[in-house]
Amino acid sequence: MAYSPVDYETRPSTCVRGTLSCGAVLPYQSGWMRPTSTLSNYKIPSLQNVYLCGSGNHPGPGVSMAPGRNAAQIILADLGVSFKS
């Protein structure tokens, strides 16, 4: 399925003009504050075993794949598995 910028602007609600970065890449949404301080550790506090690894997470959008790697480290730590880089 293909989405247009109009589709991305309506879901998720934080998209503006079709951005894939899940909101603005601004200082107050950077580092440990991305996407918000309560969701900055790649977990959703109210849902057990639900993790965040998209471009909305630190370090943000791009082709670095760092949000996925960072989330994998958290998941493995929760499972008690050692992550060796």
Protein backbone atom coordinates (compact mmCIF):
# COMPACT_ATOMS: atom_id res chain seq x y z
CA MET A 1 0.00 0.00 0.00
CA ALA A 2 1.28 3.48 -0.84
CA TYR A 3 0.49 6.60 1.13
CA SER A 4 0.45 10.17 -0.11
CA PRO A 5 1.57 13.18 1.95
CA VAL A 6 -2.12 13.88 2.61
CA ASP A 7 -2.49 10.38 4.10
CA TYR A 8 0.55 10.88 6.32
CA GLU A 9 -0.76 14.23 7.48
CA THR A 10 -3.90 12.59 8.84
CA ARG A 11 -2.13 9.66 10.54
CA PRO A 12 -0.40 9.90 12.88
CA SER A 13 -1.76 13.21 14.08
CA THR A 14 1.73 14.61 14.76
CA CYS A 15 2.68 14.55 11.07
CA VAL A 16 2.78 17.95 9.44
CA ARG A 17 2.63 18.22 5.65
CA GLY A 18 3.43 14.54 5.31
CA THR A 19 6.59 14.43 7.39
CA LEU A 20 7.85 10.97 8.30
CA SER A 21 9.74 12.19 11.35
CA CYS A 22 6.69 12.10 13.61
CA GLY A 23 6.71 15.79 14.37
CA ALA A 24 9.22 18.58 14.35
CA VAL A 25 12.91 17.93 14.88
CA LEU A 26 13.43 20.75 17.37
CA PRO A 27 15.58 21.09 20.53
CA TYR A 28 12.65 20.41 22.86
CA GLN A 29 12.04 17.11 21.03
CA SER A 30 15.68 16.01 20.98
CA GLY A 31 17.72 13.55 23.00
CA TRP A 32 15.99 12.20 26.07
CA MET A 33 12.89 14.33 25.30
CA ARG A 34 12.16 12.60 21.95
CA PRO A 35 9.31 11.97 21.41
CA THR A 36 8.37 13.04 24.99
CA SER A 37 10.17 12.53 28.28
CA THR A 38 7.79 9.72 29.36
CA LEU A 39 8.37 7.81 26.10
CA SER A 40 12.08 8.54 25.73
CA ASN A 41 13.32 5.15 26.94
CA TYR A 42 11.86 3.25 23.95
CA LYS A 43 9.01 1.86 26.07
CA ILE A 44 5.38 2.72 26.60
CA PRO A 45 5.05 2.85 30.40
CA SER A 46 1.37 1.90 30.52
CA LEU A 47 1.76 -1.14 28.22
CA GLN A 48 4.05 -3.98 29.17
CA ASN A 49 6.28 -5.39 26.41
CA VAL A 50 5.45 -2.62 23.92
CA TYR A 51 8.51 -0.83 22.57
CA LEU A 52 9.08 2.19 20.32
CA CYS A 53 11.69 2.06 17.58
CA GLY A 54 10.56 4.45 14.83
CA SER A 55 11.90 7.75 13.57
CA GLY A 56 9.96 9.54 16.31
CA ASN A 57 12.50 8.25 18.81
CA HIS A 58 16.02 9.47 19.57
CA PRO A 59 18.12 10.25 17.57
CA GLY A 60 15.30 11.03 15.15
CA PRO A 61 14.59 10.51 11.48
CA GLY A 62 17.11 9.48 8.90
CA VAL A 63 18.67 6.35 7.55
CA SER A 64 20.82 5.68 10.60
CA MET A 65 18.59 2.88 11.93
CA ALA A 66 19.75 4.00 15.39
CA PRO A 67 16.25 4.11 16.93
CA GLY A 68 15.79 0.41 16.11
CA ARG A 69 19.23 -0.48 17.47
CA ASN A 70 18.60 1.49 20.64
CA ALA A 71 15.21 -0.16 21.13
CA ALA A 72 16.81 -3.58 20.56
CA GLN A 73 19.27 -2.86 23.37
CA ILE A 74 16.37 -2.07 25.74
CA ILE A 75 14.42 -5.17 24.68
CA LEU A 76 17.43 -7.44 25.14
CA ALA A 77 18.17 -5.90 28.55
CA ASP A 78 14.56 -6.54 29.60
CA LEU A 79 14.96 -10.15 28.48
CA GLY A 80 18.21 -10.47 30.41
CA VAL A 81 20.30 -10.94 27.25
CA SER A 82 23.66 -9.23 26.97
CA PHE A 83 23.99 -6.83 24.02
CA LYS A 84 27.47 -6.77 22.54
CA SER A 85 28.09 -4.06 19.97
